[in-house]
């Protein structure tokens, strides 16, 4: 079941990328106002509604598979990291205290 949802998730991901790349930007029809031809595949108004609905449907499938995979990942048993043996710790070497520096200094010799 987990593998099936993962495959569906990857297919929905690539489909969503392709559908978004097929859509024209908001300013794509501006060239048609000055005599240029519009670059729509499905006609003048059909492309926006068809690709828009297709994007919404695939996005819903993508989000549902994302939530399903996240939920099932949390429900799984312990991971390999949890089952790994504890690391071997070495005992620390004993700390040898350093002698404190002498607080008194030798008086300076006076010269006459």
N, C-alpha and C. Protein backbone atom coordinates (compact mmCIF):
# COMPACT_ATOMS: atom_id res chain seq x y z
N UNK A 1 0.82 -1.19 0.00
CA UNK A 1 0.00 0.00 0.00
C UNK A 1 0.87 1.26 0.00
N UNK A 2 1.92 1.23 0.83
CA UNK A 2 2.82 2.37 0.92
C UNK A 2 3.51 2.63 -0.43
N UNK A 3 3.91 1.56 -1.10
CA UNK A 3 4.57 1.69 -2.40
C UNK A 3 3.61 2.25 -3.44
N UNK A 4 2.38 1.83 -3.42
CA UNK A 4 1.37 2.32 -4.37
C UNK A 4 1.13 3.82 -4.18
N UNK A 5 1.03 4.27 -2.94
CA UNK A 5 0.81 5.69 -2.67
C UNK A 5 2.04 6.50 -3.08
N UNK A 6 3.23 5.93 -2.87
CA UNK A 6 4.45 6.63 -3.28
C UNK A 6 4.51 6.79 -4.79
N UNK A 7 4.17 5.74 -5.53
CA UNK A 7 4.17 5.81 -7.00
C UNK A 7 3.13 6.83 -7.47
N UNK A 8 1.94 6.81 -6.87
CA UNK A 8 0.90 7.77 -7.23
C UNK A 8 1.35 9.21 -6.93
N UNK A 9 2.06 9.38 -5.84
CA UNK A 9 2.56 10.70 -5.46
C UNK A 9 3.58 11.21 -6.49
N UNK A 10 4.49 10.38 -6.92
CA UNK A 10 5.51 10.79 -7.90
C UNK A 10 4.85 11.10 -9.25
N UNK A 11 3.89 10.28 -9.66
CA UNK A 11 3.20 10.52 -10.93
C UNK A 11 2.42 11.84 -10.85
N UNK A 12 1.76 12.10 -9.73
CA UNK A 12 1.02 13.35 -9.57
C UNK A 12 1.98 14.54 -9.57
N UNK A 13 3.14 14.37 -9.02
CA UNK A 13 4.13 15.44 -9.00
C UNK A 13 4.55 15.82 -10.41
N UNK A 14 4.94 14.84 -11.21
CA UNK A 14 5.38 15.13 -12.57
C UNK A 14 4.22 15.65 -13.43
N UNK A 15 3.02 15.12 -13.22
CA UNK A 15 1.86 15.61 -13.97
C UNK A 15 1.56 17.06 -13.63
N UNK A 16 1.66 17.41 -12.37
CA UNK A 16 1.42 18.78 -11.95
C UNK A 16 2.45 19.73 -12.55
N UNK A 17 3.70 19.30 -12.59
CA UNK A 17 4.75 20.13 -13.21
C UNK A 17 4.45 20.36 -14.68
N UNK A 18 4.08 19.30 -15.39
CA UNK A 18 3.80 19.44 -16.83
C UNK A 18 2.59 20.32 -17.10
N UNK A 19 1.55 20.18 -16.29
CA UNK A 19 0.35 20.99 -16.50
C UNK A 19 0.64 22.46 -16.24
N UNK A 20 1.40 22.75 -15.22
CA UNK A 20 1.72 24.15 -14.92
C UNK A 20 2.59 24.74 -16.02
N UNK A 21 3.52 23.95 -16.56
CA UNK A 21 4.36 24.46 -17.64
C UNK A 21 3.58 24.65 -18.94
N UNK A 22 2.50 23.90 -19.14
CA UNK A 22 1.69 24.06 -20.34
C UNK A 22 0.86 25.34 -20.32
N UNK A 23 0.56 25.84 -19.14
CA UNK A 23 -0.30 27.01 -19.03
C UNK A 23 0.46 28.26 -19.44
N UNK A 24 -0.26 29.15 -20.08
CA UNK A 24 0.31 30.43 -20.48
C UNK A 24 0.22 31.40 -19.31
N UNK A 25 1.13 32.35 -19.28
CA UNK A 25 1.12 33.36 -18.23
C UNK A 25 -0.06 34.30 -18.37
N UNK A 26 -0.25 35.17 -17.38
CA UNK A 26 -1.39 36.10 -17.39
C UNK A 26 -1.27 37.11 -18.54
N UNK A 27 -0.06 37.47 -18.92
CA UNK A 27 0.12 38.45 -19.98
C UNK A 27 0.27 37.85 -21.35
N UNK A 28 -0.07 36.59 -21.54
CA UNK A 28 0.13 35.92 -22.82
C UNK A 28 -0.84 36.43 -23.88
N UNK A 29 -2.01 36.89 -23.50
CA UNK A 29 -3.00 37.36 -24.48
C UNK A 29 -2.76 38.80 -24.90
N UNK A 30 -1.79 39.47 -24.33
CA UNK A 30 -1.52 40.86 -24.66
C UNK A 30 -1.01 40.99 -26.10
N UNK A 31 -0.28 40.01 -26.59
CA UNK A 31 0.23 40.06 -27.96
C UNK A 31 -0.89 39.98 -28.99
N UNK A 32 -2.00 39.33 -28.66
CA UNK A 32 -3.13 39.21 -29.59
C UNK A 32 -3.83 40.55 -29.79
N UNK A 33 -3.70 41.46 -28.83
CA UNK A 33 -4.36 42.76 -28.94
C UNK A 33 -3.71 43.63 -30.02
N UNK A 34 -2.46 43.39 -30.33
CA UNK A 34 -1.74 44.18 -31.33
C UNK A 34 -1.58 43.44 -32.65
N UNK A 35 -2.39 42.45 -32.90
CA UNK A 35 -2.37 41.76 -34.18
C UNK A 35 -1.64 40.44 -34.17
N UNK A 36 -0.99 40.09 -33.09
CA UNK A 36 -0.30 38.80 -33.01
C UNK A 36 -1.28 37.69 -32.77
N UNK A 37 -0.86 36.47 -32.99
CA UNK A 37 -1.76 35.34 -32.76
C UNK A 37 -1.56 34.82 -31.35
N UNK A 38 -2.62 34.36 -30.77
CA UNK A 38 -2.55 33.79 -29.43
C UNK A 38 -2.02 32.37 -29.51
N UNK A 39 -1.23 31.96 -28.52
CA UNK A 39 -0.60 30.65 -28.54
C UNK A 39 -1.35 29.67 -27.65
N UNK A 40 -2.64 29.53 -27.83
CA UNK A 40 -3.41 28.60 -27.03
C UNK A 40 -3.63 27.32 -27.81
N UNK A 41 -3.57 26.21 -27.12
CA UNK A 41 -3.73 24.91 -27.76
C UNK A 41 -5.20 24.54 -27.88
N UNK A 42 -6.00 24.90 -26.86
CA UNK A 42 -7.39 24.45 -26.81
C UNK A 42 -8.38 25.52 -27.24
N UNK A 43 -7.95 26.54 -27.92
CA UNK A 43 -8.86 27.60 -28.33
C UNK A 43 -8.66 28.85 -27.50
N UNK A 44 -9.50 29.86 -27.75
CA UNK A 44 -9.27 31.14 -27.08
C UNK A 44 -9.66 31.12 -25.60
N UNK A 45 -10.70 30.42 -25.23
CA UNK A 45 -11.10 30.42 -23.82
C UNK A 45 -11.05 29.03 -23.20
N UNK A 46 -10.91 27.98 -24.00
CA UNK A 46 -10.94 26.63 -23.46
C UNK A 46 -9.70 26.24 -22.69
N UNK A 47 -8.56 26.82 -23.01
CA UNK A 47 -7.31 26.41 -22.36
C UNK A 47 -7.29 26.79 -20.90
N UNK A 48 -7.75 27.97 -20.58
CA UNK A 48 -7.72 28.42 -19.20
C UNK A 48 -8.57 27.57 -18.28
N UNK A 49 -9.78 27.27 -18.71
CA UNK A 49 -10.67 26.52 -17.83
C UNK A 49 -10.25 25.06 -17.73
N UNK A 50 -9.88 24.44 -18.86
CA UNK A 50 -9.51 23.02 -18.83
C UNK A 50 -8.23 22.81 -18.03
N UNK A 51 -7.19 23.59 -18.32
CA UNK A 51 -5.93 23.41 -17.60
C UNK A 51 -6.05 23.86 -16.15
N UNK A 52 -6.91 24.83 -15.89
CA UNK A 52 -7.12 25.27 -14.51
C UNK A 52 -7.78 24.19 -13.67
N UNK A 53 -8.79 23.54 -14.24
CA UNK A 53 -9.47 22.46 -13.52
C UNK A 53 -8.55 21.25 -13.36
N UNK A 54 -7.76 20.97 -14.40
CA UNK A 54 -6.83 19.85 -14.33
C UNK A 54 -5.76 20.10 -13.26
N UNK A 55 -5.28 21.34 -13.18
CA UNK A 55 -4.30 21.69 -12.16
C UNK A 55 -4.88 21.51 -10.76
N UNK A 56 -6.10 21.94 -10.57
CA UNK A 56 -6.74 21.82 -9.25
C UNK A 56 -6.93 20.35 -8.87
N UNK A 57 -7.34 19.52 -9.82
CA UNK A 57 -7.57 18.11 -9.53
C UNK A 57 -6.27 17.39 -9.18
N UNK A 58 -5.23 17.64 -9.96
CA UNK A 58 -3.95 16.97 -9.69
C UNK A 58 -3.33 17.51 -8.40
N UNK A 59 -3.55 18.80 -8.10
CA UNK A 59 -3.03 19.36 -6.85
C UNK A 59 -3.71 18.73 -5.64
N UNK A 60 -4.99 18.43 -5.75
CA UNK A 60 -5.71 17.76 -4.65
C UNK A 60 -5.15 16.35 -4.45
N UNK A 61 -4.92 15.64 -5.55
CA UNK A 61 -4.34 14.29 -5.44
C UNK A 61 -2.95 14.36 -4.82
N UNK A 62 -2.15 15.35 -5.24
CA UNK A 62 -0.81 15.51 -4.70
C UNK A 62 -0.83 15.78 -3.20
N UNK A 63 -1.73 16.65 -2.76
CA UNK A 63 -1.80 16.97 -1.33
C UNK A 63 -2.31 15.79 -0.51
N UNK A 64 -3.27 15.05 -1.05
CA UNK A 64 -3.77 13.87 -0.32
C UNK A 64 -2.69 12.79 -0.19
N UNK A 65 -1.94 12.57 -1.26
CA UNK A 65 -0.86 11.58 -1.15
C UNK A 65 0.25 12.07 -0.23
N UNK A 66 0.49 13.38 -0.21
CA UNK A 66 1.50 13.93 0.72
C UNK A 66 1.08 13.69 2.17
N UNK A 67 -0.17 13.98 2.46
CA UNK A 67 -0.66 13.77 3.83
C UNK A 67 -0.66 12.29 4.20
N UNK A 68 -1.03 11.43 3.26
CA UNK A 68 -1.05 10.00 3.53
C UNK A 68 0.36 9.47 3.80
N UNK A 69 1.32 9.91 3.01
CA UNK A 69 2.70 9.46 3.21
C UNK A 69 3.27 10.00 4.53
N UNK A 70 2.94 11.22 4.87
CA UNK A 70 3.42 11.78 6.14
C UNK A 70 2.81 11.06 7.33
N UNK A 71 1.52 10.74 7.23
CA UNK A 71 0.85 10.03 8.32
C UNK A 71 1.41 8.62 8.48
N UNK A 72 1.61 7.94 7.36
CA UNK A 72 2.12 6.56 7.45
C UNK A 72 3.58 6.53 7.88
N UNK A 73 4.35 7.56 7.58
CA UNK A 73 5.75 7.61 8.03
C UNK A 73 5.81 7.77 9.55
N UNK A 74 4.85 8.48 10.12
CA UNK A 74 4.81 8.64 11.57
C UNK A 74 4.33 7.40 12.29
N UNK A 75 3.56 6.56 11.63
CA UNK A 75 3.01 5.35 12.24
C UNK A 75 3.94 4.15 12.15
N UNK A 76 5.00 4.26 11.35
CA UNK A 76 5.89 3.12 11.19
C UNK A 76 6.62 2.83 12.49
N UNK A 77 7.22 1.67 12.55
CA UNK A 77 7.98 1.27 13.72
C UNK A 77 9.26 2.07 13.84
N UNK A 78 10.13 1.63 14.74
CA UNK A 78 11.37 2.36 14.94
C UNK A 78 12.25 2.32 13.69
N UNK A 79 12.98 3.38 13.49
CA UNK A 79 13.84 3.46 12.31
C UNK A 79 15.15 2.73 12.58
N UNK A 80 15.99 2.69 11.58
CA UNK A 80 17.30 2.04 11.72
C UNK A 80 18.15 2.75 12.76
N UNK A 81 17.97 4.05 12.88
CA UNK A 81 18.75 4.80 13.87
C UNK A 81 18.33 4.39 15.28
N UNK A 82 17.05 4.15 15.48
CA UNK A 82 16.57 3.74 16.80
C UNK A 82 17.06 2.34 17.16
N UNK A 83 17.23 1.48 16.15
CA UNK A 83 17.65 0.09 16.42
C UNK A 83 19.15 -0.08 16.47
N UNK A 84 19.90 0.96 16.19
CA UNK A 84 21.36 0.88 16.18
C UNK A 84 21.87 0.72 17.61
N UNK A 85 22.96 -0.02 17.77
CA UNK A 85 23.51 -0.16 19.13
C UNK A 85 24.06 1.18 19.62
N UNK A 86 24.08 1.30 20.93
CA UNK A 86 24.57 2.54 21.53
C UNK A 86 26.06 2.69 21.24
N UNK A 87 26.53 3.88 21.03
CA UNK A 87 27.96 4.06 20.75
C UNK A 87 28.79 3.76 21.99
N UNK A 88 29.98 3.24 21.75
CA UNK A 88 30.90 2.91 22.84
C UNK A 88 31.56 4.20 23.30
N UNK A 89 31.49 4.45 24.60
CA UNK A 89 32.10 5.66 25.13
C UNK A 89 33.37 5.30 25.87
N UNK A 90 34.35 6.10 25.72
CA UNK A 90 35.62 5.89 26.43
C UNK A 90 35.60 6.74 27.70
N UNK A 91 36.28 6.22 28.71
CA UNK A 91 36.37 7.01 29.93
C UNK A 91 37.36 8.13 29.70
N UNK A 92 37.05 9.26 30.24
CA UNK A 92 37.92 10.42 30.08
C UNK A 92 39.16 10.26 30.92
N UNK A 93 40.27 10.74 30.42
CA UNK A 93 41.51 10.70 31.18
C UNK A 93 41.38 11.62 32.39
N UNK A 94 42.03 11.27 33.50
CA UNK A 94 41.90 12.14 34.69
C UNK A 94 42.54 13.50 34.42
N UNK A 95 41.90 14.49 34.96
CA UNK A 95 42.36 15.86 34.78
C UNK A 95 43.37 16.17 35.88
N UNK A 96 44.57 16.57 35.49
CA UNK A 96 45.61 16.91 36.47
C UNK A 96 45.57 18.43 36.64
N UNK A 97 45.32 18.89 37.85
CA UNK A 97 45.24 20.34 38.04
C UNK A 97 46.60 21.00 37.86
N UNK A 98 46.60 22.14 37.27
CA UNK A 98 47.83 22.91 37.07
C UNK A 98 48.13 23.70 38.34
N UNK A 99 49.39 23.83 38.70
CA UNK A 99 49.70 24.63 39.90
C UNK A 99 49.38 26.09 39.65
N UNK A 100 48.90 26.74 40.66
CA UNK A 100 48.54 28.15 40.54
C UNK A 100 49.80 29.00 40.43
N UNK A 101 49.77 30.03 39.61
CA UNK A 101 50.96 30.89 39.51
C UNK A 101 51.16 31.66 40.81
N UNK A 102 52.42 31.95 41.12
CA UNK A 102 52.70 32.63 42.38
C UNK A 102 52.17 34.05 42.32
N UNK A 103 51.53 34.44 43.39
CA UNK A 103 50.91 35.77 43.44
C UNK A 103 51.94 36.84 43.76
N UNK A 104 52.99 36.45 44.44
CA UNK A 104 53.99 37.46 44.82
C UNK A 104 55.10 37.49 43.79
N UNK A 105 55.57 38.66 43.51
CA UNK A 105 56.69 38.81 42.60
C UNK A 105 57.89 39.29 43.38
N UNK A 106 59.02 39.02 42.89
CA UNK A 106 60.24 39.46 43.58
C UNK A 106 60.34 40.97 43.46
N UNK A 107 60.70 41.59 44.55
CA UNK A 107 60.83 43.06 44.48
C UNK A 107 61.95 43.46 43.54
N UNK A 108 61.75 44.55 42.89
CA UNK A 108 62.77 45.04 41.98
C UNK A 108 63.96 45.57 42.76
N UNK A 109 65.12 45.39 42.24
CA UNK A 109 66.33 45.87 42.92
C UNK A 109 66.47 47.35 42.68
N UNK A 110 66.78 47.99 43.74
CA UNK A 110 66.93 49.44 43.67
C UNK A 110 68.34 49.80 43.22
N UNK A 111 68.46 50.72 42.37
CA UNK A 111 69.78 51.18 41.95
C UNK A 111 69.99 52.59 42.47
N UNK A 112 71.18 52.85 42.97
CA UNK A 112 71.47 54.17 43.53
C UNK A 112 72.48 54.88 42.72
